[in-house]
Amino acid sequence: MHEIDMPKLEDCLLDMNEKNARFLELVSTVLYFETLEKEEVAEKIFTLKSKQRYSIEEIDEAYQYIDSLKGKAKLS
């Protein structure tokens, strides 16, 4: 079995553990559609996740959160 050294993973997981499930669902949806333009992603979210009634501000926050996780995960 191969071992992978991921020293920053714990920090990311601890950070994610502090977020609520609704927000993490939004983050995962944004990541699923990451190849699309931001406006297209928002349209998909408003259509596919209409019951959750996400706002554009929450979508912006999800993008910022993803960027912060990517920053934490980078190896120094």
N, C-alpha and C. Protein backbone atom coordinates (compact mmCIF):
# COMPACT_ATOMS: atom_id res chain seq x y z
N MET A 1 0.84 -1.17 0.00
CA MET A 1 0.00 0.00 0.00
C MET A 1 0.89 1.24 0.00
N HIS A 2 0.47 2.25 -0.74
CA HIS A 2 1.24 3.49 -0.85
C HIS A 2 0.77 4.51 0.17
N GLU A 3 1.72 5.20 0.73
CA GLU A 3 1.39 6.29 1.66
C GLU A 3 1.59 7.61 0.95
N ILE A 4 0.67 8.53 1.18
CA ILE A 4 0.78 9.86 0.61
C ILE A 4 0.92 10.84 1.76
N ASP A 5 1.94 11.67 1.66
CA ASP A 5 2.17 12.66 2.70
C ASP A 5 1.34 13.91 2.37
N MET A 6 0.36 14.20 3.20
CA MET A 6 -0.51 15.34 3.01
C MET A 6 -0.58 16.14 4.31
N PRO A 7 0.48 16.87 4.62
CA PRO A 7 0.58 17.54 5.92
C PRO A 7 -0.49 18.62 6.14
N LYS A 8 -1.01 19.19 5.10
CA LYS A 8 -1.98 20.28 5.23
C LYS A 8 -3.42 19.78 5.29
N LEU A 9 -3.62 18.50 5.07
CA LEU A 9 -4.97 17.95 5.03
C LEU A 9 -5.72 18.16 6.34
N GLU A 10 -5.05 17.95 7.45
CA GLU A 10 -5.72 18.10 8.75
C GLU A 10 -6.25 19.51 8.95
N ASP A 11 -5.46 20.53 8.57
CA ASP A 11 -5.92 21.92 8.69
C ASP A 11 -7.18 22.15 7.86
N CYS A 12 -7.18 21.62 6.65
CA CYS A 12 -8.35 21.78 5.78
C CYS A 12 -9.57 21.08 6.37
N LEU A 13 -9.38 19.89 6.87
CA LEU A 13 -10.50 19.13 7.43
C LEU A 13 -11.05 19.79 8.69
N LEU A 14 -10.17 20.30 9.52
CA LEU A 14 -10.62 21.00 10.72
C LEU A 14 -11.42 22.24 10.36
N ASP A 15 -10.96 22.95 9.35
CA ASP A 15 -11.67 24.14 8.88
C ASP A 15 -13.05 23.76 8.34
N MET A 16 -13.10 22.73 7.52
CA MET A 16 -14.37 22.29 6.94
C MET A 16 -15.34 21.80 8.02
N ASN A 17 -14.80 21.23 9.07
CA ASN A 17 -15.62 20.70 10.16
C ASN A 17 -16.37 21.82 10.88
N GLU A 18 -15.88 23.05 10.77
CA GLU A 18 -16.53 24.18 11.42
C GLU A 18 -17.68 24.76 10.59
N LYS A 19 -17.80 24.33 9.34
CA LYS A 19 -18.84 24.85 8.45
C LYS A 19 -20.10 23.98 8.55
N ASN A 20 -21.25 24.58 8.25
CA ASN A 20 -22.49 23.81 8.31
C ASN A 20 -22.70 23.02 7.02
N ALA A 21 -23.56 22.03 7.10
CA ALA A 21 -23.78 21.12 5.98
C ALA A 21 -24.34 21.85 4.75
N ARG A 22 -25.19 22.81 4.97
CA ARG A 22 -25.79 23.57 3.86
C ARG A 22 -24.70 24.28 3.06
N PHE A 23 -23.77 24.93 3.77
CA PHE A 23 -22.69 25.64 3.09
C PHE A 23 -21.77 24.66 2.37
N LEU A 24 -21.44 23.55 3.00
CA LEU A 24 -20.56 22.57 2.36
C LEU A 24 -21.21 21.94 1.13
N GLU A 25 -22.53 21.82 1.15
CA GLU A 25 -23.25 21.33 -0.03
C GLU A 25 -23.09 22.34 -1.18
N LEU A 26 -23.18 23.62 -0.86
CA LEU A 26 -22.97 24.65 -1.87
C LEU A 26 -21.55 24.59 -2.41
N VAL A 27 -20.58 24.47 -1.52
CA VAL A 27 -19.17 24.38 -1.93
C VAL A 27 -18.97 23.18 -2.86
N SER A 28 -19.54 22.05 -2.52
CA SER A 28 -19.36 20.86 -3.37
C SER A 28 -20.02 21.04 -4.72
N THR A 29 -21.14 21.75 -4.76
CA THR A 29 -21.81 22.01 -6.04
C THR A 29 -20.97 22.95 -6.90
N VAL A 30 -20.41 23.99 -6.30
CA VAL A 30 -19.53 24.90 -7.03
C VAL A 30 -18.34 24.11 -7.59
N LEU A 31 -17.75 23.25 -6.80
CA LEU A 31 -16.61 22.45 -7.26
C LEU A 31 -17.01 21.50 -8.40
N TYR A 32 -18.20 20.94 -8.31
CA TYR A 32 -18.67 20.02 -9.35
C TYR A 32 -18.72 20.72 -10.71
N PHE A 33 -19.12 21.99 -10.70
CA PHE A 33 -19.26 22.75 -11.94
C PHE A 33 -18.08 23.70 -12.18
N GLU A 34 -16.92 23.41 -11.60
CA GLU A 34 -15.79 24.34 -11.64
C GLU A 34 -15.28 24.65 -13.04
N THR A 35 -15.62 23.85 -14.03
CA THR A 35 -15.15 24.13 -15.39
C THR A 35 -16.02 25.18 -16.09
N LEU A 36 -17.15 25.53 -15.49
CA LEU A 36 -18.05 26.53 -16.06
C LEU A 36 -17.70 27.93 -15.55
N GLU A 37 -18.19 28.94 -16.26
CA GLU A 37 -18.03 30.31 -15.80
C GLU A 37 -18.86 30.51 -14.53
N LYS A 38 -18.45 31.46 -13.71
CA LYS A 38 -19.10 31.71 -12.43
C LYS A 38 -20.61 31.98 -12.60
N GLU A 39 -20.97 32.74 -13.63
CA GLU A 39 -22.38 33.05 -13.87
C GLU A 39 -23.18 31.79 -14.21
N GLU A 40 -22.57 30.89 -14.98
CA GLU A 40 -23.22 29.64 -15.32
C GLU A 40 -23.40 28.76 -14.09
N VAL A 41 -22.40 28.76 -13.22
CA VAL A 41 -22.49 27.99 -11.98
C VAL A 41 -23.65 28.51 -11.13
N ALA A 42 -23.75 29.83 -11.03
CA ALA A 42 -24.84 30.42 -10.25
C ALA A 42 -26.19 30.02 -10.83
N GLU A 43 -26.33 30.03 -12.15
CA GLU A 43 -27.58 29.60 -12.78
C GLU A 43 -27.90 28.15 -12.44
N LYS A 44 -26.90 27.30 -12.50
CA LYS A 44 -27.10 25.87 -12.16
C LYS A 44 -27.55 25.74 -10.72
N ILE A 45 -26.92 26.48 -9.83
CA ILE A 45 -27.28 26.40 -8.41
C ILE A 45 -28.70 26.88 -8.19
N PHE A 46 -29.06 28.00 -8.81
CA PHE A 46 -30.41 28.53 -8.64
C PHE A 46 -31.46 27.56 -9.18
N THR A 47 -31.10 26.79 -10.21
CA THR A 47 -32.03 25.82 -10.79
C THR A 47 -32.04 24.50 -10.01
N LEU A 48 -30.86 23.92 -9.82
CA LEU A 48 -30.77 22.59 -9.22
C LEU A 48 -30.96 22.60 -7.70
N LYS A 49 -30.62 23.69 -7.07
CA LYS A 49 -30.69 23.78 -5.61
C LYS A 49 -31.69 24.86 -5.18
N SER A 50 -32.76 24.99 -5.93
CA SER A 50 -33.72 26.08 -5.67
C SER A 50 -34.36 25.98 -4.28
N LYS A 51 -34.52 24.78 -3.77
CA LYS A 51 -35.12 24.63 -2.43
C LYS A 51 -34.24 25.22 -1.33
N GLN A 52 -32.92 25.24 -1.55
CA GLN A 52 -32.01 25.78 -0.55
C GLN A 52 -31.97 27.31 -0.58
N ARG A 53 -32.46 27.90 -1.66
CA ARG A 53 -32.55 29.36 -1.79
C ARG A 53 -31.22 30.07 -1.50
N TYR A 54 -30.16 29.60 -2.15
CA TYR A 54 -28.86 30.24 -2.00
C TYR A 54 -28.88 31.62 -2.62
N SER A 55 -28.17 32.54 -2.01
CA SER A 55 -28.04 33.90 -2.55
C SER A 55 -26.74 34.00 -3.33
N ILE A 56 -26.63 35.04 -4.13
CA ILE A 56 -25.39 35.28 -4.87
C ILE A 56 -24.24 35.55 -3.91
N GLU A 57 -24.55 36.15 -2.76
CA GLU A 57 -23.51 36.40 -1.75
C GLU A 57 -22.98 35.09 -1.19
N GLU A 58 -23.87 34.11 -0.98
CA GLU A 58 -23.43 32.81 -0.48
C GLU A 58 -22.57 32.09 -1.52
N ILE A 59 -22.93 32.25 -2.78
CA ILE A 59 -22.14 31.64 -3.85
C ILE A 59 -20.75 32.28 -3.90
N ASP A 60 -20.71 33.61 -3.77
CA ASP A 60 -19.42 34.30 -3.71
C ASP A 60 -18.59 33.81 -2.52
N GLU A 61 -19.26 33.64 -1.38
CA GLU A 61 -18.57 33.14 -0.18
C GLU A 61 -18.01 31.74 -0.42
N ALA A 62 -18.76 30.90 -1.14
CA ALA A 62 -18.28 29.54 -1.44
C ALA A 62 -17.01 29.60 -2.29
N TYR A 63 -17.00 30.49 -3.30
CA TYR A 63 -15.80 30.64 -4.12
C TYR A 63 -14.62 31.11 -3.27
N GLN A 64 -14.84 32.05 -2.38
CA GLN A 64 -13.77 32.54 -1.51
C GLN A 64 -13.27 31.43 -0.60
N TYR A 65 -14.19 30.63 -0.09
CA TYR A 65 -13.82 29.53 0.79
C TYR A 65 -12.98 28.49 0.05
N ILE A 66 -13.37 28.18 -1.17
CA ILE A 66 -12.61 27.23 -1.98
C ILE A 66 -11.19 27.75 -2.19
N ASP A 67 -11.08 29.04 -2.51
CA ASP A 67 -9.74 29.63 -2.69
C ASP A 67 -8.92 29.54 -1.41
N SER A 68 -9.58 29.77 -0.26
CA SER A 68 -8.84 29.70 1.01
C SER A 68 -8.38 28.28 1.30
N LEU A 69 -9.21 27.29 0.99
CA LEU A 69 -8.80 25.89 1.19
C LEU A 69 -7.63 25.53 0.26
N LYS A 70 -7.71 26.00 -0.97
CA LYS A 70 -6.62 25.73 -1.91
C LYS A 70 -5.32 26.35 -1.39
N GLY A 71 -5.43 27.54 -0.81
CA GLY A 71 -4.26 28.19 -0.25
C GLY A 71 -3.68 27.43 0.92
N LYS A 72 -4.56 26.91 1.78
CA LYS A 72 -4.10 26.13 2.92
C LYS A 72 -3.46 24.83 2.48
N ALA A 73 -3.97 24.25 1.42
CA ALA A 73 -3.51 22.92 0.99
C ALA A 73 -2.17 22.96 0.27
N LYS A 74 -1.75 24.14 -0.20
CA LYS A 74 -0.48 24.23 -0.93
C LYS A 74 0.68 23.86 -0.03
N LEU A 75 1.57 23.10 -0.60
CA LEU A 75 2.78 22.74 0.12
C LEU A 75 3.76 23.88 0.06
N SER A 76 4.38 24.17 1.17
CA SER A 76 5.35 25.28 1.23
C SER A 76 6.71 24.83 0.72
